[in-house]
Structures are given as C-alpha cells and as structure tokens.
Amino acid sequence: HLKLGDILEGNKHSVSEMLTRGADPPGIHDQQQQQPKRSIKSAYEYAREVKEANVTTVILRGGAHQDYCHKSLIYATCLQRSIKRVLPQGQVELQINEGTPDQDFF
C-alpha cells in the first residue's frame, strides 16, 4: 500500500527527490526529536525489496482523500516502471483510487 495523497502532495520535496532518495512526511520533525526512518521510500528501495523477495507479481495499491493528486500519480507511475525493470518477466499492476483510500487497513 503506497502512501499517497497529502503525504506526497504536501511534501516539500519534488517527486524526483522522493523517487531517488525517499522522504519524510510533512511535519515529521515537528513531532519527533529523533531522526526517523524515511517513510516515503525511494524507487530503489522498493525495487531492491521486490527483487530480494523473489516474487513474480506485484500489485501497487494506493489512494488519496483528495481528488487532485498530481505528485502522487507521477510517483506511483514511476515506481511501477522502476519495479518492472527488476521484474522483466513478472507482472506489476497499479491500482490507484480503487475503493476507499483506507480500505486496505480495515
């Protein structure tokens, strides 16, 4: 399940930065004293984890509470392409805003 919507849209980092280095969600440093692990992963992190898991199918799910999520859609589409490169014979499906944004957690 991808963190999309306000987590990416309100982020001070560009989509390119988030894809290459990852990022923290907005306001994280105001709430915590210690440096947290980045919760927005880079495309490299996801690709490495998929390759290490030795899977043949990946379904990327994400959603947003907002109607317009330009950065989110770019991030998710680029992430899908990145994972396809490490799974050339596999299937990488992108499911965005299919159902309610939080339904994966119910």
PDB file of N, CA and C in Angstrom:
ATOM      1  N   HIS A   1       0.860  -1.167   0.000  1.00  0.00           N
ATOM      2  CA  HIS A   1       0.000   0.000   0.000  1.00  0.00           C
ATOM      3  C   HIS A   1       0.900   1.221   0.000  1.00  0.00           C
ATOM      4  N   LEU A   2       0.761   2.091  -0.974  1.00  0.00           N
ATOM      5  CA  LEU A   2       1.599   3.281  -1.095  1.00  0.00           C
ATOM      6  C   LEU A   2       1.020   4.444  -0.302  1.00  0.00           C
ATOM      7  N   LYS A   3       1.912   5.229   0.266  1.00  0.00           N
ATOM      8  CA  LYS A   3       1.489   6.462   0.918  1.00  0.00           C
ATOM      9  C   LYS A   3       1.374   7.521  -0.170  1.00  0.00           C
ATOM     10  N   LEU A   4       0.146   7.948  -0.418  1.00  0.00           N
ATOM     11  CA  LEU A   4      -0.105   8.934  -1.468  1.00  0.00           C
ATOM     12  C   LEU A   4      -0.921  10.078  -0.885  1.00  0.00           C
ATOM     13  N   GLY A   5      -1.486  10.882  -1.756  1.00  0.00           N
ATOM     14  CA  GLY A   5      -2.343  11.976  -1.318  1.00  0.00           C
ATOM     15  C   GLY A   5      -1.568  13.033  -0.558  1.00  0.00           C
ATOM     16  N   ASP A   6      -2.088  13.446   0.604  1.00  0.00           N
ATOM     17  CA  ASP A   6      -1.496  14.562   1.339  1.00  0.00           C
ATOM     18  C   ASP A   6      -0.052  14.284   1.759  1.00  0.00           C
ATOM     19  N   ILE A   7       0.316  13.005   1.914  1.00  0.00           N
ATOM     20  CA  ILE A   7       1.691  12.658   2.300  1.00  0.00           C
ATOM     21  C   ILE A   7       2.680  13.092   1.211  1.00  0.00           C
ATOM     22  N   LEU A   8       2.306  12.943  -0.047  1.00  0.00           N
ATOM     23  CA  LEU A   8       3.173  13.358  -1.146  1.00  0.00           C
ATOM     24  C   LEU A   8       2.859  14.774  -1.615  1.00  0.00           C
ATOM     25  N   GLU A   9       1.584  15.092  -1.720  1.00  0.00           N
ATOM     26  CA  GLU A   9       1.181  16.402  -2.258  1.00  0.00           C
ATOM     27  C   GLU A   9       1.697  17.555  -1.410  1.00  0.00           C
ATOM     28  N   GLY A  10       1.681  17.391  -0.093  1.00  0.00           N
ATOM     29  CA  GLY A  10       2.123  18.457   0.800  1.00  0.00           C
ATOM     30  C   GLY A  10       3.603  18.396   1.120  1.00  0.00           C
ATOM     31  N   ASN A  11       4.321  17.492   0.482  1.00  0.00           N
ATOM     32  CA  ASN A  11       5.729  17.324   0.784  1.00  0.00           C
ATOM     33  C   ASN A  11       6.560  18.402   0.119  1.00  0.00           C
ATOM     34  N   LYS A  12       7.569  18.898   0.843  1.00  0.00           N
ATOM     35  CA  LYS A  12       8.426  19.962   0.306  1.00  0.00           C
ATOM     36  C   LYS A  12       9.373  19.435  -0.775  1.00  0.00           C
ATOM     37  N   HIS A  13       9.563  18.125  -0.828  1.00  0.00           N
ATOM     38  CA  HIS A  13      10.461  17.536  -1.815  1.00  0.00           C
ATOM     39  C   HIS A  13       9.741  17.322  -3.140  1.00  0.00           C
ATOM     40  N   SER A  14      10.502  17.361  -4.222  1.00  0.00           N
ATOM     41  CA  SER A  14       9.929  17.095  -5.541  1.00  0.00           C
ATOM     42  C   SER A  14       9.713  15.595  -5.706  1.00  0.00           C
ATOM     43  N   VAL A  15       8.933  15.222  -6.690  1.00  0.00           N
ATOM     44  CA  VAL A  15       8.711  13.810  -6.968  1.00  0.00           C
ATOM     45  C   VAL A  15      10.039  13.143  -7.300  1.00  0.00           C
ATOM     46  N   SER A  16      10.871  13.817  -8.055  1.00  0.00           N
ATOM     47  CA  SER A  16      12.182  13.275  -8.413  1.00  0.00           C
ATOM     48  C   SER A  16      13.019  12.980  -7.171  1.00  0.00           C
ATOM     49  N   GLU A  17      13.012  13.898  -6.213  1.00  0.00           N
ATOM     50  CA  GLU A  17      13.760  13.684  -4.969  1.00  0.00           C
ATOM     51  C   GLU A  17      13.201  12.511  -4.176  1.00  0.00           C
ATOM     52  N   MET A  18      11.876  12.414  -4.118  1.00  0.00           N
ATOM     53  CA  MET A  18      11.259  11.319  -3.371  1.00  0.00           C
ATOM     54  C   MET A  18      11.565   9.975  -4.031  1.00  0.00           C
ATOM     55  N   LEU A  19      11.583   9.945  -5.357  1.00  0.00           N
ATOM     56  CA  LEU A  19      11.872   8.704  -6.073  1.00  0.00           C
ATOM     57  C   LEU A  19      13.335   8.287  -5.932  1.00  0.00           C
ATOM     58  N   THR A  20      14.232   9.240  -5.851  1.00  0.00           N
ATOM     59  CA  THR A  20      15.651   8.897  -5.792  1.00  0.00           C
ATOM     60  C   THR A  20      16.188   8.752  -4.376  1.00  0.00           C
ATOM     61  N   ARG A  21      15.645   9.525  -3.426  1.00  0.00           N
ATOM     62  CA  ARG A  21      16.188   9.498  -2.064  1.00  0.00           C
ATOM     63  C   ARG A  21      15.175   9.126  -0.992  1.00  0.00           C
ATOM     64  N   GLY A  22      13.900   9.102  -1.339  1.00  0.00           N
ATOM     65  CA  GLY A  22      12.879   8.913  -0.318  1.00  0.00           C
ATOM     66  C   GLY A  22      12.644  10.236   0.394  1.00  0.00           C
ATOM     67  N   ALA A  23      11.740  10.257   1.348  1.00  0.00           N
ATOM     68  CA  ALA A  23      11.432  11.497   2.064  1.00  0.00           C
ATOM     69  C   ALA A  23      10.635  11.193   3.323  1.00  0.00           C
ATOM     70  N   ASP A  24      10.601  12.161   4.196  1.00  0.00           N
ATOM     71  CA  ASP A  24       9.763  12.093   5.389  1.00  0.00           C
ATOM     72  C   ASP A  24       8.435  12.758   5.069  1.00  0.00           C
ATOM     73  N   PRO A  25       7.357  12.313   5.708  1.00  0.00           N
ATOM     74  CA  PRO A  25       6.083  13.003   5.506  1.00  0.00           C
ATOM     75  C   PRO A  25       6.145  14.411   6.087  1.00  0.00           C
ATOM     76  N   PRO A  26       5.294  15.314   5.608  1.00  0.00           N
ATOM     77  CA  PRO A  26       5.295  16.684   6.126  1.00  0.00           C
ATOM     78  C   PRO A  26       5.076  16.724   7.636  1.00  0.00           C
ATOM     79  N   GLY A  27       5.841  17.560   8.340  1.00  0.00           N
ATOM     80  CA  GLY A  27       5.664  17.783   9.761  1.00  0.00           C
ATOM     81  C   GLY A  27       6.290  16.753  10.670  1.00  0.00           C
ATOM     82  N   ILE A  28       6.983  15.766  10.145  1.00  0.00           N
ATOM     83  CA  ILE A  28       7.509  14.686  10.994  1.00  0.00           C
ATOM     84  C   ILE A  28       8.525  15.202  12.006  1.00  0.00           C
ATOM     85  N   HIS A  29       9.335  16.181  11.641  1.00  0.00           N
ATOM     86  CA  HIS A  29      10.366  16.657  12.562  1.00  0.00           C
ATOM     87  C   HIS A  29       9.805  17.544  13.661  1.00  0.00           C
ATOM     88  N   ASP A  30       8.607  18.085  13.436  1.00  0.00           N
ATOM     89  CA  ASP A  30       7.974  18.878  14.481  1.00  0.00           C
ATOM     90  C   ASP A  30       7.429  17.976  15.592  1.00  0.00           C
ATOM     91  N   GLN A  31       7.163  16.712  15.268  1.00  0.00           N
ATOM     92  CA  GLN A  31       6.535  15.803  16.217  1.00  0.00           C
ATOM     93  C   GLN A  31       7.529  14.904  16.937  1.00  0.00           C
ATOM     94  N   GLN A  32       8.713  14.701  16.374  1.00  0.00           N
ATOM     95  CA  GLN A  32       9.662  13.764  16.957  1.00  0.00           C
ATOM     96  C   GLN A  32      11.043  14.410  17.064  1.00  0.00           C
ATOM     97  N   GLN A  33      11.772  14.081  18.115  1.00  0.00           N
ATOM     98  CA  GLN A  33      13.111  14.613  18.312  1.00  0.00           C
ATOM     99  C   GLN A  33      14.151  13.823  17.524  1.00  0.00           C
ATOM    100  N   GLN A  34      13.973  12.508  17.444  1.00  0.00           N
ATOM    101  CA  GLN A  34      14.943  11.675  16.767  1.00  0.00           C
ATOM    102  C   GLN A  34      14.677  11.651  15.265  1.00  0.00           C
ATOM    103  N   GLN A  35      15.741  11.384  14.490  1.00  0.00           N
ATOM    104  CA  GLN A  35      15.602  11.272  13.044  1.00  0.00           C
ATOM    105  C   GLN A  35      14.918   9.942  12.707  1.00  0.00           C
ATOM    106  N   PRO A  36      13.689   9.959  12.205  1.00  0.00           N
ATOM    107  CA  PRO A  36      13.008   8.704  11.894  1.00  0.00           C
ATOM    108  C   PRO A  36      13.500   8.125  10.572  1.00  0.00           C
ATOM    109  N   LYS A  37      13.234   6.844  10.370  1.00  0.00           N
ATOM    110  CA  LYS A  37      13.498   6.242   9.076  1.00  0.00           C
ATOM    111  C   LYS A  37      12.513   6.861   8.098  1.00  0.00           C
ATOM    112  N   ARG A  38      12.979   7.158   6.912  1.00  0.00           N
ATOM    113  CA  ARG A  38      12.106   7.785   5.920  1.00  0.00           C
ATOM    114  C   ARG A  38      10.917   6.874   5.611  1.00  0.00           C
ATOM    115  N   SER A  39       9.720   7.432   5.683  1.00  0.00           N
ATOM    116  CA  SER A  39       8.546   6.604   5.453  1.00  0.00           C
ATOM    117  C   SER A  39       8.081   6.649   4.001  1.00  0.00           C
ATOM    118  N   ILE A  40       8.589   7.596   3.216  1.00  0.00           N
ATOM    119  CA  ILE A  40       8.340   7.589   1.777  1.00  0.00           C
ATOM    120  C   ILE A  40       9.596   6.993   1.158  1.00  0.00           C
ATOM    121  N   LYS A  41       9.482   5.758   0.707  1.00  0.00           N
ATOM    122  CA  LYS A  41      10.651   5.048   0.196  1.00  0.00           C
ATOM    123  C   LYS A  41      11.004   5.491  -1.223  1.00  0.00           C
ATOM    124  N   SER A  42      12.291   5.378  -1.528  1.00  0.00           N
ATOM    125  CA  SER A  42      12.738   5.658  -2.891  1.00  0.00           C
ATOM    126  C   SER A  42      12.364   4.483  -3.790  1.00  0.00           C
ATOM    127  N   ALA A  43      12.373   4.726  -5.087  1.00  0.00           N
ATOM    128  CA  ALA A  43      12.105   3.660  -6.055  1.00  0.00           C
ATOM    129  C   ALA A  43      13.167   2.576  -5.941  1.00  0.00           C
ATOM    130  N   TYR A  44      14.389   2.970  -5.626  1.00  0.00           N
ATOM    131  CA  TYR A  44      15.478   1.997  -5.481  1.00  0.00           C
ATOM    132  C   TYR A  44      15.204   1.034  -4.325  1.00  0.00           C
ATOM    133  N   GLU A  45      14.696   1.561  -3.212  1.00  0.00           N
ATOM    134  CA  GLU A  45      14.381   0.713  -2.059  1.00  0.00           C
ATOM    135  C   GLU A  45      13.297  -0.305  -2.412  1.00  0.00           C
ATOM    136  N   TYR A  46      12.233   0.186  -3.050  1.00  0.00           N
ATOM    137  CA  TYR A  46      11.161  -0.726  -3.435  1.00  0.00           C
ATOM    138  C   TYR A  46      11.665  -1.784  -4.411  1.00  0.00           C
ATOM    139  N   ALA A  47      12.431  -1.376  -5.416  1.00  0.00           N
ATOM    140  CA  ALA A  47      12.941  -2.321  -6.416  1.00  0.00           C
ATOM    141  C   ALA A  47      13.831  -3.377  -5.756  1.00  0.00           C
ATOM    142  N   ARG A  48      14.694  -2.949  -4.854  1.00  0.00           N
ATOM    143  CA  ARG A  48      15.573  -3.893  -4.160  1.00  0.00           C
ATOM    144  C   ARG A  48      14.751  -4.896  -3.340  1.00  0.00           C
ATOM    145  N   GLU A  49      13.761  -4.404  -2.616  1.00  0.00           N
ATOM    146  CA  GLU A  49      12.933  -5.284  -1.785  1.00  0.00           C
ATOM    147  C   GLU A  49      12.148  -6.289  -2.631  1.00  0.00           C
ATOM    148  N   VAL A  50      11.651  -5.843  -3.774  1.00  0.00           N
ATOM    149  CA  VAL A  50      10.906  -6.734  -4.666  1.00  0.00           C
ATOM    150  C   VAL A  50      11.839  -7.810  -5.216  1.00  0.00           C
ATOM    151  N   LYS A  51      13.025  -7.403  -5.631  1.00  0.00           N
ATOM    152  CA  LYS A  51      13.987  -8.365  -6.173  1.00  0.00           C
ATOM    153  C   LYS A  51      14.399  -9.375  -5.102  1.00  0.00           C
ATOM    154  N   GLU A  52      14.667  -8.908  -3.890  1.00  0.00           N
ATOM    155  CA  GLU A  52      15.065  -9.797  -2.796  1.00  0.00           C
ATOM    156  C   GLU A  52      13.939 -10.756  -2.396  1.00  0.00           C
ATOM    157  N   ALA A  53      12.695 -10.330  -2.551  1.00  0.00           N
ATOM    158  CA  ALA A  53      11.551 -11.170  -2.185  1.00  0.00           C
ATOM    159  C   ALA A  53      11.307 -12.277  -3.211  1.00  0.00           C
ATOM    160  N   ASN A  54      11.934 -12.151  -4.379  1.00  0.00           N
ATOM    161  CA  ASN A  54      11.834 -13.172  -5.423  1.00  0.00           C
ATOM    162  C   ASN A  54      10.377 -13.448  -5.809  1.00  0.00           C
ATOM    163  N   VAL A  55       9.640 -12.395  -6.038  1.00  0.00           N
ATOM    164  CA  VAL A  55       8.231 -12.528  -6.423  1.00  0.00           C
ATOM    165  C   VAL A  55       8.091 -12.334  -7.929  1.00  0.00           C
ATOM    166  N   THR A  56       6.964 -12.757  -8.466  1.00  0.00           N
ATOM    167  CA  THR A  56       6.717 -12.576  -9.895  1.00  0.00           C
ATOM    168  C   THR A  56       5.565 -11.616 -10.167  1.00  0.00           C
ATOM    169  N   THR A  57       4.815 -11.283  -9.134  1.00  0.00           N
ATOM    170  CA  THR A  57       3.680 -10.368  -9.285  1.00  0.00           C
ATOM    171  C   THR A  57       3.708  -9.348  -8.152  1.00  0.00           C
ATOM    172  N   VAL A  58       3.538  -8.089  -8.522  1.00  0.00           N
ATOM    173  CA  VAL A  58       3.456  -7.009  -7.544  1.00  0.00           C
ATOM    174  C   VAL A  58       2.220  -6.180  -7.877  1.00  0.00           C
ATOM    175  N   ILE A  59       1.414  -5.919  -6.867  1.00  0.00           N
ATOM    176  CA  ILE A  59       0.258  -5.031  -7.028  1.00  0.00           C
ATOM    177  C   ILE A  59       0.503  -3.825  -6.144  1.00  0.00           C
ATOM    178  N   LEU A  60       0.648  -2.671  -6.766  1.00  0.00           N
ATOM    179  CA  LEU A  60       0.834  -1.415  -6.042  1.00  0.00           C
ATOM    180  C   LEU A  60      -0.535  -0.795  -5.837  1.00  0.00           C
ATOM    181  N   ARG A  61      -0.937  -0.652  -4.580  1.00  0.00           N
ATOM    182  CA  ARG A  61      -2.232  -0.052  -4.262  1.00  0.00           C
ATOM    183  C   ARG A  61      -2.005   1.278  -3.575  1.00  0.00           C
ATOM    184  N   GLY A  62      -2.830   2.213  -3.888  1.00  0.00           N
ATOM    185  CA  GLY A  62      -2.745   3.499  -3.227  1.00  0.00           C
ATOM    186  C   GLY A  62      -4.034   4.258  -3.400  1.00  0.00           C
ATOM    187  N   GLY A  63      -4.191   5.242  -2.570  1.00  0.00           N
ATOM    188  CA  GLY A  63      -5.381   6.059  -2.668  1.00  0.00           C
ATOM    189  C   GLY A  63      -5.156   7.385  -1.987  1.00  0.00           C
ATOM    190  N   ALA A  64      -6.086   8.260  -2.189  1.00  0.00           N
ATOM    191  CA  ALA A  64      -5.989   9.594  -1.615  1.00  0.00           C
ATOM    192  C   ALA A  64      -7.373  10.079  -1.224  1.00  0.00           C
ATOM    193  N   HIS A  65      -7.397  10.941  -0.241  1.00  0.00           N
ATOM    194  CA  HIS A  65      -8.653  11.542   0.201  1.00  0.00           C
ATOM    195  C   HIS A  65      -8.984  12.781  -0.625  1.00  0.00           C
ATOM    196  N   GLN A  66      -8.068  13.161  -1.510  1.00  0.00           N
ATOM    197  CA  GLN A  66      -8.246  14.342  -2.351  1.00  0.00           C
ATOM    198  C   GLN A  66      -8.557  13.908  -3.776  1.00  0.00           C
ATOM    199  N   ASP A  67      -9.195  14.788  -4.535  1.00  0.00           N
ATOM    200  CA  ASP A  67      -9.497  14.465  -5.925  1.00  0.00           C
ATOM    201  C   ASP A  67      -8.291  14.688  -6.834  1.00  0.00           C
ATOM    202  N   TYR A  68      -7.467  15.658  -6.529  1.00  0.00           N
ATOM    203  CA  TYR A  68      -6.352  16.005  -7.402  1.00  0.00           C
ATOM    204  C   TYR A  68      -5.033  15.685  -6.707  1.00  0.00           C
ATOM    205  N   CYS A  69      -4.324  14.731  -7.247  1.00  0.00           N
ATOM    206  CA  CYS A  69      -3.066  14.294  -6.630  1.00  0.00           C
ATOM    207  C   CYS A  69      -1.995  14.112  -7.694  1.00  0.00           C
ATOM    208  N   HIS A  70      -1.556  15.202  -8.267  1.00  0.00           N
ATOM    209  CA  HIS A  70      -0.595  15.180  -9.364  1.00  0.00           C
ATOM    210  C   HIS A  70       0.711  14.496  -8.984  1.00  0.00           C
ATOM    211  N   LYS A  71       1.321  14.902  -7.874  1.00  0.00           N
ATOM    212  CA  LYS A  71       2.592  14.310  -7.445  1.00  0.00           C
ATOM    213  C   LYS A  71       2.431  12.822  -7.144  1.00  0.00           C
ATOM    214  N   SER A  72       1.327  12.455  -6.552  1.00  0.00           N
ATOM    215  CA  SER A  72       1.075  11.062  -6.197  1.00  0.00           C
ATOM    216  C   SER A  72       1.013  10.166  -7.426  1.00  0.00           C
ATOM    217  N   LEU A  73       0.321  10.625  -8.453  1.00  0.00           N
ATOM    218  CA  LEU A  73       0.190   9.822  -9.664  1.00  0.00           C
ATOM    219  C   LEU A  73       1.524   9.666 -10.381  1.00  0.00           C
ATOM    220  N   ILE A  74       2.315  10.720 -10.413  1.00  0.00           N
ATOM    221  CA  ILE A  74       3.640  10.637 -11.034  1.00  0.00           C
ATOM    222  C   ILE A  74       4.523   9.673 -10.242  1.00  0.00           C
ATOM    223  N   TYR A  75       4.534   9.806  -8.923  1.00  0.00           N
ATOM    224  CA  TYR A  75       5.337   8.935  -8.062  1.00  0.00           C
ATOM    225  C   TYR A  75       4.949   7.469  -8.280  1.00  0.00           C
ATOM    226  N   ALA A  76       3.664   7.161  -8.237  1.00  0.00           N
ATOM    227  CA  ALA A  76       3.198   5.782  -8.368  1.00  0.00           C
ATOM    228  C   ALA A  76       3.513   5.205  -9.749  1.00  0.00           C
ATOM    229  N   THR A  77       3.326   5.994 -10.791  1.00  0.00           N
ATOM    230  CA  THR A  77       3.606   5.523 -12.151  1.00  0.00           C
ATOM    231  C   THR A  77       5.096   5.267 -12.348  1.00  0.00           C
ATOM    232  N   CYS A  78       5.930   6.158 -11.864  1.00  0.00           N
ATOM    233  CA  CYS A  78       7.383   5.969 -11.971  1.00  0.00           C
ATOM    234  C   CYS A  78       7.832   4.772 -11.136  1.00  0.00           C
ATOM    235  N   LEU A  79       7.226   4.591  -9.990  1.00  0.00           N
ATOM    236  CA  LEU A  79       7.554   3.448  -9.143  1.00  0.00           C
ATOM    237  C   LEU A  79       7.195   2.140  -9.855  1.00  0.00           C
ATOM    238  N   GLN A  80       6.062   2.120 -10.506  1.00  0.00           N
ATOM    239  CA  GLN A  80       5.651   0.940 -11.266  1.00  0.00           C
ATOM    240  C   GLN A  80       6.689   0.630 -12.353  1.00  0.00           C
ATOM    241  N   ARG A  81       7.131   1.627 -13.069  1.00  0.00           N
ATOM    242  CA  ARG A  81       8.136   1.423 -14.130  1.00  0.00           C
ATOM    243  C   ARG A  81       9.449   0.901 -13.553  1.00  0.00           C
ATOM    244  N   SER A  82       9.842   1.435 -12.416  1.00  0.00           N
ATOM    245  CA  SER A  82      11.085   1.010 -11.772  1.00  0.00           C
ATOM    246  C   SER A  82      11.030  -0.460 -11.377  1.00  0.00           C
ATOM    247  N   ILE A  83       9.916  -0.879 -10.824  1.00  0.00           N
ATOM    248  CA  ILE A  83       9.774  -2.268 -10.393  1.00  0.00           C
ATOM    249  C   ILE A  83       9.704  -3.200 -11.606  1.00  0.00           C
ATOM    250  N   LYS A  84       9.087  -2.738 -12.689  1.00  0.00           N
ATOM    251  CA  LYS A  84       9.030  -3.555 -13.910  1.00  0.00           C
ATOM    252  C   LYS A  84      10.433  -3.869 -14.422  1.00  0.00           C
ATOM    253  N   ARG A  85      11.367  -2.976 -14.195  1.00  0.00           N
ATOM    254  CA  ARG A  85      12.741  -3.211 -14.656  1.00  0.00           C
ATOM    255  C   ARG A  85      13.405  -4.374 -13.927  1.00  0.00           C
ATOM    256  N   VAL A  86      13.068  -4.590 -12.671  1.00  0.00           N
ATOM    257  CA  VAL A  86      13.659  -5.716 -11.935  1.00  0.00           C
ATOM    258  C   VAL A  86      12.812  -6.984 -12.066  1.00  0.00           C
ATOM    259  N   LEU A  87      11.624  -6.845 -12.628  1.00  0.00           N
ATOM    260  CA  LEU A  87      10.746  -7.998 -12.883  1.00  0.00           C
ATOM    261  C   LEU A  87      10.369  -8.035 -14.364  1.00  0.00           C
ATOM    262  N   PRO A  88      11.330  -8.181 -15.260  1.00  0.00           N
ATOM    263  CA  PRO A  88      11.009  -8.094 -16.688  1.00  0.00           C
ATOM    264  C   PRO A  88      10.006  -9.155 -17.153  1.00  0.00           C
ATOM    265  N   GLN A  89       9.990 -10.308 -16.507  1.00  0.00           N
ATOM    266  CA  GLN A  89       9.046 -11.370 -16.873  1.00  0.00           C
ATOM    267  C   GLN A  89       7.831 -11.380 -15.956  1.00  0.00           C
ATOM    268  N   GLY A  90       7.832 -10.536 -14.955  1.00  0.00           N
ATOM    269  CA  GLY A  90       6.750 -10.521 -13.984  1.00  0.00           C
ATOM    270  C   GLY A  90       5.657  -9.534 -14.334  1.00  0.00           C
ATOM    271  N   GLN A  91       4.694  -9.454 -13.441  1.00  0.00           N
ATOM    272  CA  GLN A  91       3.556  -8.554 -13.620  1.00  0.00           C
ATOM    273  C   GLN A  91       3.585  -7.497 -12.523  1.00  0.00           C
ATOM    274  N   VAL A  92       3.469  -6.240 -12.919  1.00  0.00           N
ATOM    275  CA  VAL A  92       3.412  -5.140 -11.958  1.00  0.00           C
ATOM    276  C   VAL A  92       2.156  -4.334 -12.265  1.00  0.00           C
ATOM    277  N   GLU A  93       1.198  -4.425 -11.379  1.00  0.00           N
ATOM    278  CA  GLU A  93      -0.099  -3.770 -11.579  1.00  0.00           C
ATOM    279  C   GLU A  93      -0.211  -2.560 -10.665  1.00  0.00           C
ATOM    280  N   LEU A  94      -0.804  -1.510 -11.177  1.00  0.00           N
ATOM    281  CA  LEU A  94      -1.001  -0.279 -10.414  1.00  0.00           C
ATOM    282  C   LEU A  94      -2.494  -0.066 -10.207  1.00  0.00           C
ATOM    283  N   GLN A  95      -2.923  -0.015  -8.949  1.00  0.00           N
ATOM    284  CA  GLN A  95      -4.324   0.219  -8.597  1.00  0.00           C
ATOM    285  C   GLN A  95      -4.395   1.491  -7.765  1.00  0.00           C
ATOM    286  N   ILE A  96      -4.858   2.548  -8.371  1.00  0.00           N
ATOM    287  CA  ILE A  96      -4.952   3.840  -7.682  1.00  0.00           C
ATOM    288  C   ILE A  96      -6.418   4.233  -7.546  1.00  0.00           C
ATOM    289  N   ASN A  97      -6.784   4.615  -6.333  1.00  0.00           N
ATOM    290  CA  ASN A  97      -8.147   5.062  -6.020  1.00  0.00           C
ATOM    291  C   ASN A  97      -9.208   4.050  -6.433  1.00  0.00           C
ATOM    292  N   GLU A  98      -8.931   2.787  -6.177  1.00  0.00           N
ATOM    293  CA  GLU A  98      -9.935   1.751  -6.411  1.00  0.00           C
ATOM    294  C   GLU A  98     -10.523   1.395  -5.057  1.00  0.00           C
ATOM    295  N   GLY A  99     -11.654   1.964  -4.741  1.00  0.00           N
ATOM    296  CA  GLY A  99     -12.249   1.808  -3.422  1.00  0.00           C
ATOM    297  C   GLY A  99     -11.869   3.002  -2.558  1.00  0.00           C
ATOM    298  N   THR A 100     -12.107   2.881  -1.270  1.00  0.00           N
ATOM    299  CA  THR A 100     -11.771   3.970  -0.356  1.00  0.00           C
ATOM    300  C   THR A 100     -10.282   3.922  -0.038  1.00  0.00           C
ATOM    301  N   PRO A 101      -9.641   5.064   0.216  1.00  0.00           N
ATOM    302  CA  PRO A 101      -8.197   5.096   0.448  1.00  0.00           C
ATOM    303  C   PRO A 101      -7.700   4.231   1.591  1.00  0.00           C
ATOM    304  N   ASP A 102      -8.515   4.035   2.606  1.00  0.00           N
ATOM    305  CA  ASP A 102      -8.062   3.291   3.780  1.00  0.00           C
ATOM    306  C   ASP A 102      -8.546   1.852   3.832  1.00  0.00           C
ATOM    307  N   GLN A 103      -9.196   1.361   2.785  1.00  0.00           N
ATOM    308  CA  GLN A 103      -9.812   0.029   2.861  1.00  0.00           C
ATOM    309  C   GLN A 103      -8.792  -1.082   3.082  1.00  0.00           C
ATOM    310  N   ASP A 104      -7.542  -0.912   2.691  1.00  0.00           N
ATOM    311  CA  ASP A 104      -6.531  -1.940   2.914  1.00  0.00           C
ATOM    312  C   ASP A 104      -6.259  -2.164   4.395  1.00  0.00           C
ATOM    313  N   PHE A 105      -6.637  -1.221   5.228  1.00  0.00           N
ATOM    314  CA  PHE A 105      -6.313  -1.299   6.647  1.00  0.00           C
ATOM    315  C   PHE A 105      -7.490  -1.731   7.507  1.00  0.00           C
ATOM    316  N   PHE A 106      -8.615  -2.016   6.897  1.00  0.00           N
ATOM    317  CA  PHE A 106      -9.789  -2.458   7.661  1.00  0.00           C
ATOM    318  C   PHE A 106      -9.733  -3.943   7.860  1.00  0.00           C
TER     319      PHE A 106
END
